[in-house]
N, C-alpha and C. Protein backbone atom coordinates (compact mmCIF):
# COMPACT_ATOMS: atom_id res chain seq x y z
N MET A 1 0.84 -1.18 0.00
CA MET A 1 0.00 0.00 0.00
C MET A 1 0.88 1.24 0.00
N ASN A 2 0.49 2.18 -0.75
CA ASN A 2 1.15 3.47 -0.88
C ASN A 2 1.23 4.14 0.50
N PRO A 3 2.39 4.71 0.90
CA PRO A 3 2.54 5.32 2.23
C PRO A 3 1.55 6.47 2.48
N ILE A 4 1.23 7.25 1.50
CA ILE A 4 0.27 8.35 1.68
C ILE A 4 -1.13 7.78 1.91
N LYS A 5 -1.47 6.77 1.12
CA LYS A 5 -2.79 6.13 1.27
C LYS A 5 -2.89 5.47 2.65
N LYS A 6 -1.78 4.86 3.10
CA LYS A 6 -1.76 4.21 4.40
C LYS A 6 -1.99 5.23 5.51
N LYS A 7 -1.36 6.40 5.42
CA LYS A 7 -1.54 7.47 6.40
C LYS A 7 -2.98 7.97 6.39
N MET A 8 -3.58 8.05 5.22
CA MET A 8 -4.97 8.51 5.11
C MET A 8 -5.93 7.51 5.76
N VAL A 9 -5.68 6.22 5.55
CA VAL A 9 -6.52 5.18 6.14
C VAL A 9 -6.39 5.21 7.67
N ILE A 10 -5.16 5.32 8.17
CA ILE A 10 -4.94 5.38 9.61
C ILE A 10 -5.56 6.64 10.20
N GLY A 11 -5.36 7.78 9.53
CA GLY A 11 -5.96 9.05 9.99
C GLY A 11 -7.47 8.99 10.00
N GLY A 12 -8.05 8.42 8.95
CA GLY A 12 -9.51 8.27 8.89
C GLY A 12 -10.03 7.37 10.01
N GLY A 13 -9.28 6.30 10.28
CA GLY A 13 -9.66 5.40 11.37
C GLY A 13 -9.61 6.10 12.72
N LEU A 14 -8.58 6.90 12.93
CA LEU A 14 -8.46 7.66 14.19
C LEU A 14 -9.61 8.67 14.33
N ILE A 15 -9.92 9.35 13.27
CA ILE A 15 -11.04 10.31 13.32
C ILE A 15 -12.35 9.59 13.65
N CYS A 16 -12.58 8.44 13.02
CA CYS A 16 -13.79 7.67 13.31
C CYS A 16 -13.83 7.22 14.78
N ALA A 17 -12.68 6.79 15.30
CA ALA A 17 -12.61 6.35 16.70
C ALA A 17 -12.91 7.51 17.64
N VAL A 18 -12.33 8.68 17.38
CA VAL A 18 -12.58 9.86 18.22
C VAL A 18 -14.05 10.26 18.15
N LEU A 19 -14.63 10.25 16.98
CA LEU A 19 -16.05 10.59 16.84
C LEU A 19 -16.94 9.58 17.56
N ALA A 20 -16.59 8.31 17.49
CA ALA A 20 -17.37 7.28 18.18
C ALA A 20 -17.30 7.48 19.70
N ILE A 21 -16.12 7.78 20.21
CA ILE A 21 -15.95 8.03 21.64
C ILE A 21 -16.76 9.27 22.05
N ALA A 22 -16.70 10.31 21.26
CA ALA A 22 -17.45 11.54 21.56
C ALA A 22 -18.95 11.26 21.56
N LEU A 23 -19.43 10.50 20.60
CA LEU A 23 -20.85 10.18 20.51
C LEU A 23 -21.31 9.34 21.71
N VAL A 24 -20.54 8.34 22.08
CA VAL A 24 -20.89 7.50 23.23
C VAL A 24 -20.87 8.34 24.50
N SER A 25 -19.87 9.20 24.66
CA SER A 25 -19.80 10.07 25.84
C SER A 25 -21.01 10.98 25.91
N TYR A 26 -21.39 11.58 24.80
CA TYR A 26 -22.56 12.46 24.76
C TYR A 26 -23.82 11.69 25.15
N MET A 27 -23.96 10.49 24.64
CA MET A 27 -25.14 9.69 24.96
C MET A 27 -25.18 9.32 26.44
N LEU A 28 -24.03 9.00 27.03
CA LEU A 28 -23.99 8.66 28.45
C LEU A 28 -24.29 9.87 29.32
N ILE A 29 -23.75 11.02 28.95
CA ILE A 29 -23.97 12.25 29.72
C ILE A 29 -25.43 12.67 29.64
N ASN A 30 -26.06 12.50 28.51
CA ASN A 30 -27.42 12.97 28.31
C ASN A 30 -28.46 11.88 28.54
N ASP A 31 -28.09 10.82 29.23
CA ASP A 31 -29.03 9.75 29.55
C ASP A 31 -29.41 9.86 31.01
N GLY A 32 -30.68 9.71 31.32
CA GLY A 32 -31.13 9.74 32.71
C GLY A 32 -31.56 11.13 33.15
N PRO A 33 -31.87 11.23 34.43
CA PRO A 33 -32.37 12.50 34.96
C PRO A 33 -31.35 13.63 34.84
N HIS A 34 -31.84 14.81 34.62
CA HIS A 34 -31.03 16.02 34.56
C HIS A 34 -31.57 16.96 35.62
N TYR A 35 -30.88 17.04 36.73
CA TYR A 35 -31.36 17.85 37.85
C TYR A 35 -30.85 19.27 37.75
N THR A 36 -31.72 20.22 38.12
CA THR A 36 -31.27 21.59 38.31
C THR A 36 -30.53 21.64 39.64
N GLU A 37 -31.06 20.96 40.64
CA GLU A 37 -30.42 20.81 41.96
C GLU A 37 -30.59 19.36 42.38
N ASN A 38 -29.51 18.67 42.66
CA ASN A 38 -29.65 17.26 42.99
C ASN A 38 -29.77 16.97 44.48
N ASP A 39 -29.69 18.00 45.33
CA ASP A 39 -29.84 17.76 46.77
C ASP A 39 -30.38 19.01 47.47
N TYR A 40 -31.65 19.28 47.28
CA TYR A 40 -32.28 20.45 47.90
C TYR A 40 -32.12 20.43 49.42
N PHE A 41 -32.42 19.30 50.02
CA PHE A 41 -32.39 19.22 51.48
C PHE A 41 -30.97 19.31 52.01
N GLY A 42 -30.02 18.71 51.31
CA GLY A 42 -28.62 18.80 51.71
C GLY A 42 -28.15 20.25 51.73
N LYS A 43 -28.61 21.07 50.78
CA LYS A 43 -28.25 22.49 50.75
C LYS A 43 -28.76 23.21 51.99
N MET A 44 -29.79 22.65 52.63
CA MET A 44 -30.35 23.25 53.84
C MET A 44 -29.77 22.61 55.10
N GLY A 45 -28.89 21.64 54.93
CA GLY A 45 -28.25 21.00 56.06
C GLY A 45 -29.04 19.89 56.71
N ILE A 46 -30.01 19.33 55.99
CA ILE A 46 -30.81 18.23 56.53
C ILE A 46 -30.97 17.15 55.46
N GLU A 47 -31.45 16.01 55.88
CA GLU A 47 -31.75 14.93 54.96
C GLU A 47 -33.20 15.04 54.51
N SER A 48 -33.48 14.58 53.29
CA SER A 48 -34.89 14.49 52.91
C SER A 48 -35.51 13.44 53.82
N HIS A 49 -36.73 13.61 54.17
CA HIS A 49 -37.45 12.73 55.10
C HIS A 49 -36.84 12.74 56.50
N ALA A 50 -36.21 13.86 56.88
CA ALA A 50 -35.65 13.99 58.23
C ALA A 50 -36.76 13.82 59.27
N SER A 51 -36.38 13.37 60.44
CA SER A 51 -37.36 13.25 61.53
C SER A 51 -37.62 14.63 62.13
N TYR A 52 -38.67 14.72 62.90
CA TYR A 52 -39.00 15.95 63.62
C TYR A 52 -37.80 16.37 64.48
N GLU A 53 -37.21 15.43 65.18
CA GLU A 53 -36.08 15.70 66.07
C GLU A 53 -34.87 16.23 65.28
N GLU A 54 -34.60 15.63 64.13
CA GLU A 54 -33.48 16.09 63.29
C GLU A 54 -33.73 17.51 62.77
N PHE A 55 -34.97 17.79 62.41
CA PHE A 55 -35.34 19.12 61.92
C PHE A 55 -35.11 20.15 63.02
N ILE A 56 -35.56 19.86 64.24
CA ILE A 56 -35.40 20.78 65.36
C ILE A 56 -33.92 20.96 65.69
N ALA A 57 -33.15 19.87 65.64
CA ALA A 57 -31.71 19.95 65.92
C ALA A 57 -31.03 20.88 64.91
N ARG A 58 -31.48 20.88 63.66
CA ARG A 58 -30.87 21.71 62.62
C ARG A 58 -31.32 23.17 62.71
N PHE A 59 -32.62 23.41 62.95
CA PHE A 59 -33.15 24.77 62.88
C PHE A 59 -33.45 25.41 64.23
N GLY A 60 -33.27 24.68 65.31
CA GLY A 60 -33.45 25.25 66.64
C GLY A 60 -34.90 25.23 67.12
N THR A 61 -35.11 25.83 68.27
CA THR A 61 -36.43 25.87 68.89
C THR A 61 -37.43 26.52 67.93
N PRO A 62 -38.54 25.84 67.67
CA PRO A 62 -39.52 26.38 66.73
C PRO A 62 -40.20 27.65 67.25
N LEU A 63 -40.60 28.51 66.32
CA LEU A 63 -41.45 29.65 66.67
C LEU A 63 -42.84 29.16 67.02
N SER A 64 -43.29 28.14 66.28
CA SER A 64 -44.60 27.55 66.55
C SER A 64 -44.65 26.13 66.00
N VAL A 65 -45.51 25.34 66.62
CA VAL A 65 -45.75 23.97 66.18
C VAL A 65 -47.26 23.79 66.13
N ASP A 66 -47.78 23.49 64.96
CA ASP A 66 -49.21 23.23 64.79
C ASP A 66 -49.40 21.75 64.51
N ARG A 67 -50.26 21.14 65.29
CA ARG A 67 -50.53 19.71 65.12
C ARG A 67 -52.00 19.51 64.76
N ASP A 68 -52.22 18.66 63.79
CA ASP A 68 -53.58 18.19 63.54
C ASP A 68 -53.49 16.68 63.43
N ARG A 69 -54.58 16.05 63.08
CA ARG A 69 -54.54 14.58 63.13
C ARG A 69 -53.68 13.96 62.05
N ASP A 70 -53.37 14.70 60.98
CA ASP A 70 -52.59 14.13 59.88
C ASP A 70 -51.17 14.67 59.77
N ALA A 71 -50.86 15.79 60.44
CA ALA A 71 -49.55 16.40 60.19
C ALA A 71 -49.11 17.30 61.34
N ILE A 72 -47.82 17.61 61.31
CA ILE A 72 -47.22 18.58 62.21
C ILE A 72 -46.56 19.63 61.33
N THR A 73 -46.82 20.91 61.59
CA THR A 73 -46.18 22.00 60.87
C THR A 73 -45.31 22.75 61.86
N VAL A 74 -44.02 22.88 61.54
CA VAL A 74 -43.05 23.51 62.43
C VAL A 74 -42.50 24.77 61.75
N ARG A 75 -42.74 25.93 62.36
CA ARG A 75 -42.22 27.19 61.83
C ARG A 75 -40.96 27.57 62.61
N THR A 76 -39.90 27.92 61.88
CA THR A 76 -38.64 28.27 62.52
C THR A 76 -38.38 29.77 62.36
N ASN A 77 -37.39 30.26 63.10
CA ASN A 77 -37.01 31.67 62.95
C ASN A 77 -35.94 31.84 61.88
N ARG A 78 -35.68 30.81 61.09
CA ARG A 78 -34.69 30.86 60.01
C ARG A 78 -35.33 30.90 58.63
N GLY A 79 -36.62 31.20 58.57
CA GLY A 79 -37.29 31.29 57.28
C GLY A 79 -37.59 29.95 56.65
N VAL A 80 -37.68 28.91 57.46
CA VAL A 80 -37.99 27.57 56.97
C VAL A 80 -39.12 27.00 57.81
N THR A 81 -40.13 26.47 57.12
CA THR A 81 -41.24 25.78 57.78
C THR A 81 -41.22 24.34 57.30
N GLY A 82 -41.28 23.41 58.24
CA GLY A 82 -41.29 21.99 57.90
C GLY A 82 -42.68 21.41 58.08
N TYR A 83 -43.06 20.55 57.18
CA TYR A 83 -44.36 19.88 57.23
C TYR A 83 -44.10 18.39 57.33
N PHE A 84 -44.58 17.81 58.42
CA PHE A 84 -44.36 16.39 58.70
C PHE A 84 -45.69 15.66 58.55
N GLN A 85 -45.87 15.02 57.41
CA GLN A 85 -47.11 14.30 57.16
C GLN A 85 -47.18 13.08 58.07
N HIS A 86 -48.32 12.90 58.70
CA HIS A 86 -48.54 11.83 59.67
C HIS A 86 -47.56 11.91 60.84
N GLY A 87 -46.92 13.07 61.01
CA GLY A 87 -46.06 13.31 62.14
C GLY A 87 -44.78 12.52 62.18
N THR A 88 -44.43 11.82 61.10
CA THR A 88 -43.28 10.92 61.16
C THR A 88 -42.01 11.51 60.55
N SER A 89 -42.06 11.90 59.30
CA SER A 89 -40.85 12.41 58.65
C SER A 89 -41.19 13.61 57.78
N LEU A 90 -40.18 14.41 57.54
CA LEU A 90 -40.33 15.62 56.76
C LEU A 90 -40.80 15.27 55.35
N SER A 91 -41.88 15.89 54.92
CA SER A 91 -42.36 15.63 53.57
C SER A 91 -42.33 16.88 52.70
N CYS A 92 -42.27 18.05 53.32
CA CYS A 92 -42.26 19.29 52.54
C CYS A 92 -41.64 20.40 53.37
N VAL A 93 -40.93 21.31 52.72
CA VAL A 93 -40.45 22.51 53.39
C VAL A 93 -40.91 23.73 52.60
N PHE A 94 -41.13 24.80 53.33
CA PHE A 94 -41.49 26.09 52.75
C PHE A 94 -40.40 27.07 53.19
N ILE A 95 -39.76 27.71 52.23
CA ILE A 95 -38.62 28.59 52.52
C ILE A 95 -39.00 30.02 52.18
N THR A 96 -38.81 30.92 53.14
CA THR A 96 -39.04 32.35 52.91
C THR A 96 -37.77 33.17 53.14
N SER A 97 -36.67 32.50 53.42
CA SER A 97 -35.39 33.17 53.65
C SER A 97 -34.57 33.19 52.36
N PRO A 98 -33.88 34.30 52.09
CA PRO A 98 -33.01 34.35 50.91
C PRO A 98 -31.70 33.60 51.11
N ASP A 99 -31.50 32.98 52.27
CA ASP A 99 -30.24 32.29 52.56
C ASP A 99 -30.06 30.98 51.81
N TYR A 100 -31.12 30.41 51.29
CA TYR A 100 -31.03 29.09 50.64
C TYR A 100 -31.16 29.26 49.14
N ARG A 101 -30.13 28.81 48.40
CA ARG A 101 -30.05 28.95 46.95
C ARG A 101 -29.85 27.58 46.32
N PHE A 102 -30.43 27.41 45.13
CA PHE A 102 -30.42 26.08 44.52
C PHE A 102 -29.95 26.13 43.07
N GLY A 103 -29.26 25.06 42.66
CA GLY A 103 -28.77 24.92 41.29
C GLY A 103 -27.57 25.80 41.03
N LYS A 104 -26.98 25.60 39.87
CA LYS A 104 -25.80 26.40 39.53
C LYS A 104 -26.15 27.87 39.34
N GLU A 105 -27.43 28.16 39.07
CA GLU A 105 -27.87 29.55 38.92
C GLU A 105 -28.16 30.20 40.26
N LYS A 106 -28.16 29.41 41.35
CA LYS A 106 -28.38 29.91 42.71
C LYS A 106 -29.70 30.68 42.84
N VAL A 107 -30.79 30.03 42.42
CA VAL A 107 -32.11 30.67 42.54
C VAL A 107 -32.72 30.38 43.90
N GLY A 108 -33.54 31.30 44.36
CA GLY A 108 -34.22 31.17 45.64
C GLY A 108 -35.02 32.43 45.90
N VAL A 109 -35.41 32.63 47.16
CA VAL A 109 -36.16 33.82 47.54
C VAL A 109 -35.33 35.05 47.18
N GLY A 110 -35.94 35.99 46.46
CA GLY A 110 -35.25 37.19 45.99
C GLY A 110 -34.86 37.12 44.53
N SER A 111 -34.80 35.92 43.96
CA SER A 111 -34.53 35.77 42.52
C SER A 111 -35.76 36.24 41.75
N THR A 112 -35.61 36.41 40.46
CA THR A 112 -36.74 36.79 39.64
C THR A 112 -37.38 35.55 38.99
N LEU A 113 -38.61 35.71 38.55
CA LEU A 113 -39.29 34.65 37.83
C LEU A 113 -38.49 34.25 36.59
N HIS A 114 -37.90 35.23 35.93
CA HIS A 114 -37.07 34.94 34.76
C HIS A 114 -35.89 34.05 35.14
N ASP A 115 -35.21 34.36 36.26
CA ASP A 115 -34.09 33.53 36.72
C ASP A 115 -34.52 32.08 36.90
N VAL A 116 -35.68 31.89 37.51
CA VAL A 116 -36.19 30.54 37.77
C VAL A 116 -36.49 29.82 36.46
N LYS A 117 -37.12 30.51 35.52
CA LYS A 117 -37.44 29.89 34.23
C LYS A 117 -36.17 29.48 33.48
N VAL A 118 -35.13 30.28 33.56
CA VAL A 118 -33.86 29.94 32.92
C VAL A 118 -33.25 28.72 33.60
N ALA A 119 -33.25 28.71 34.94
CA ALA A 119 -32.64 27.61 35.69
C ALA A 119 -33.35 26.29 35.44
N TYR A 120 -34.65 26.32 35.26
CA TYR A 120 -35.44 25.09 35.12
C TYR A 120 -35.95 24.88 33.69
N ALA A 121 -35.28 25.48 32.72
CA ALA A 121 -35.76 25.44 31.33
C ALA A 121 -35.98 24.02 30.81
N GLU A 122 -35.17 23.06 31.26
CA GLU A 122 -35.30 21.69 30.76
C GLU A 122 -36.15 20.79 31.63
N GLN A 123 -36.68 21.30 32.73
CA GLN A 123 -37.45 20.47 33.65
C GLN A 123 -38.93 20.46 33.28
N GLN A 124 -39.60 19.40 33.69
CA GLN A 124 -41.04 19.28 33.47
C GLN A 124 -41.75 20.28 34.37
N GLN A 125 -42.54 21.15 33.77
CA GLN A 125 -43.27 22.15 34.55
C GLN A 125 -44.56 21.56 35.09
N ILE A 126 -44.90 21.92 36.33
CA ILE A 126 -46.17 21.53 36.93
C ILE A 126 -47.20 22.54 36.44
N THR A 127 -48.29 22.07 35.89
CA THR A 127 -49.22 22.97 35.21
C THR A 127 -50.42 23.40 36.03
N ASP A 128 -50.65 22.84 37.20
CA ASP A 128 -51.86 23.20 37.94
C ASP A 128 -51.58 24.10 39.14
N ASN A 129 -50.58 24.96 39.04
CA ASN A 129 -50.26 25.91 40.11
C ASN A 129 -51.15 27.14 40.02
N PRO A 130 -51.32 27.86 41.14
CA PRO A 130 -51.99 29.16 41.09
C PRO A 130 -51.22 30.10 40.17
N SER A 131 -51.85 31.20 39.77
CA SER A 131 -51.23 32.10 38.80
C SER A 131 -49.97 32.78 39.32
N ASN A 132 -49.78 32.84 40.63
CA ASN A 132 -48.58 33.48 41.17
C ASN A 132 -47.51 32.46 41.59
N GLU A 133 -47.57 31.26 41.04
CA GLU A 133 -46.58 30.23 41.33
C GLU A 133 -46.17 29.53 40.05
N ILE A 134 -44.93 29.05 40.06
CA ILE A 134 -44.44 28.21 38.97
C ILE A 134 -43.72 27.04 39.62
N GLY A 135 -44.00 25.85 39.14
CA GLY A 135 -43.42 24.67 39.76
C GLY A 135 -42.81 23.73 38.73
N PHE A 136 -41.89 22.90 39.22
CA PHE A 136 -41.17 21.99 38.35
C PHE A 136 -40.98 20.65 39.04
N ILE A 137 -40.92 19.61 38.24
CA ILE A 137 -40.55 18.28 38.71
C ILE A 137 -39.09 18.15 38.32
N ASP A 138 -38.21 18.30 39.29
CA ASP A 138 -36.77 18.40 39.00
C ASP A 138 -36.18 17.02 38.74
N GLY A 139 -35.64 16.85 37.56
CA GLY A 139 -35.01 15.59 37.20
C GLY A 139 -35.47 15.07 35.86
N TYR A 140 -36.50 15.67 35.32
CA TYR A 140 -36.96 15.27 33.99
C TYR A 140 -37.09 16.50 33.12
N ARG A 141 -36.68 16.35 31.86
CA ARG A 141 -36.81 17.43 30.90
C ARG A 141 -38.25 17.50 30.41
N GLN A 142 -38.62 18.61 29.84
CA GLN A 142 -39.97 18.78 29.29
C GLN A 142 -40.30 17.60 28.39
N GLY A 143 -41.47 17.00 28.61
CA GLY A 143 -41.93 15.91 27.78
C GLY A 143 -41.52 14.54 28.26
N ASP A 144 -40.63 14.45 29.24
CA ASP A 144 -40.16 13.15 29.71
C ASP A 144 -40.93 12.64 30.93
N PHE A 145 -41.87 13.41 31.43
CA PHE A 145 -42.54 13.07 32.69
C PHE A 145 -43.31 11.77 32.56
N ASP A 146 -43.06 10.85 33.48
CA ASP A 146 -43.75 9.57 33.44
C ASP A 146 -44.39 9.23 34.80
N HIS A 147 -44.79 10.26 35.53
CA HIS A 147 -45.42 10.09 36.84
C HIS A 147 -44.51 9.36 37.83
N ASN A 148 -43.22 9.63 37.77
CA ASN A 148 -42.27 9.08 38.72
C ASN A 148 -42.22 10.02 39.91
N TYR A 149 -42.69 9.57 41.05
CA TYR A 149 -42.77 10.42 42.23
C TYR A 149 -41.52 10.32 43.10
N SER A 150 -40.43 9.79 42.58
CA SER A 150 -39.22 9.67 43.37
C SER A 150 -38.27 10.83 43.16
N ILE A 151 -38.75 11.92 42.61
CA ILE A 151 -37.92 13.10 42.39
C ILE A 151 -38.61 14.32 43.01
N PRO A 152 -37.83 15.34 43.37
CA PRO A 152 -38.42 16.49 44.06
C PRO A 152 -39.33 17.33 43.17
N TRP A 153 -40.39 17.83 43.80
CA TRP A 153 -41.29 18.79 43.18
C TRP A 153 -41.00 20.13 43.84
N VAL A 154 -40.69 21.15 43.05
CA VAL A 154 -40.27 22.45 43.56
C VAL A 154 -41.20 23.52 43.01
N THR A 155 -41.70 24.37 43.91
CA THR A 155 -42.60 25.44 43.50
C THR A 155 -42.04 26.77 43.99
N TYR A 156 -42.06 27.77 43.12
CA TYR A 156 -41.62 29.12 43.45
C TYR A 156 -42.83 30.05 43.39
N ALA A 157 -43.14 30.71 44.52
CA ALA A 157 -44.21 31.72 44.54
C ALA A 157 -43.56 33.08 44.30
N PHE A 158 -44.25 33.94 43.55
CA PHE A 158 -43.68 35.25 43.24
C PHE A 158 -44.72 36.34 43.45
N ASP A 159 -44.23 37.56 43.63
CA ASP A 159 -45.11 38.71 43.86
C ASP A 159 -45.45 39.41 42.55
N GLU A 160 -46.11 40.56 42.66
CA GLU A 160 -46.54 41.29 41.47
C GLU A 160 -45.37 41.80 40.63
N ASN A 161 -44.17 41.89 41.22
CA ASN A 161 -42.98 42.31 40.48
C ASN A 161 -42.18 41.11 39.95
N GLU A 162 -42.77 39.92 40.07
CA GLU A 162 -42.15 38.67 39.62
C GLU A 162 -40.85 38.36 40.35
N VAL A 163 -40.83 38.69 41.65
CA VAL A 163 -39.72 38.37 42.53
C VAL A 163 -40.16 37.19 43.40
N ILE A 164 -39.30 36.21 43.55
CA ILE A 164 -39.64 35.00 44.31
C ILE A 164 -39.76 35.35 45.80
N THR A 165 -40.88 34.93 46.41
CA THR A 165 -41.14 35.20 47.83
C THR A 165 -41.13 33.92 48.67
N LYS A 166 -41.33 32.78 48.03
CA LYS A 166 -41.36 31.52 48.78
C LYS A 166 -40.98 30.37 47.85
N VAL A 167 -40.25 29.41 48.42
CA VAL A 167 -39.89 28.19 47.70
C VAL A 167 -40.48 27.03 48.49
N SER A 168 -41.19 26.15 47.80
CA SER A 168 -41.75 24.95 48.43
C SER A 168 -41.09 23.73 47.77
N ILE A 169 -40.61 22.82 48.61
CA ILE A 169 -39.95 21.61 48.09
C ILE A 169 -40.62 20.41 48.72
N THR A 170 -41.16 19.55 47.89
CA THR A 170 -41.77 18.32 48.36
C THR A 170 -40.78 17.20 48.21
N SER A 171 -40.59 16.45 49.28
CA SER A 171 -39.60 15.38 49.30
C SER A 171 -39.87 14.34 48.23
N ALA A 172 -38.78 13.76 47.72
CA ALA A 172 -38.90 12.64 46.81
C ALA A 172 -39.60 11.49 47.53
N GLY A 173 -40.42 10.78 46.83
CA GLY A 173 -41.13 9.65 47.41
C GLY A 173 -42.35 10.02 48.21
N MET A 174 -42.72 11.29 48.17
CA MET A 174 -43.88 11.78 48.93
C MET A 174 -45.15 11.12 48.46
């Protein structure tokens, strides 16, 4: 075989190998859930499904504790309210403090509605929210939702100026 032709065959083979590796890498990276934030509760210093005792240990003496037959609601002085369904483990938190930020865009209370839409652009939007809220099922891109309840549901409430005033996070597996 001609040396120039041999170099072309080897070069073509190398290019094909590099392209194949790039394609496989892209497919692996873009397979599975794509989270805006992969650990909402960890960012707050607690575990998802934390116990009442763990929640109190993290956030201190509650401002108030409301009990009914199905749940316990604990309000803290740190801008976090915990909701314990059936009184056993944390199932939802409501955040009104600007201290907690999520995702690489660091959205939270004080961010704008536009910031939130940019941060969650690829996530499945929850469509039955009130007009002053926008919510997402974090971990699935638009159109991929298959009623998998093992991922967090996040809702951002905003005011008339489209500034976020409250973040609600429902635990995975709720």
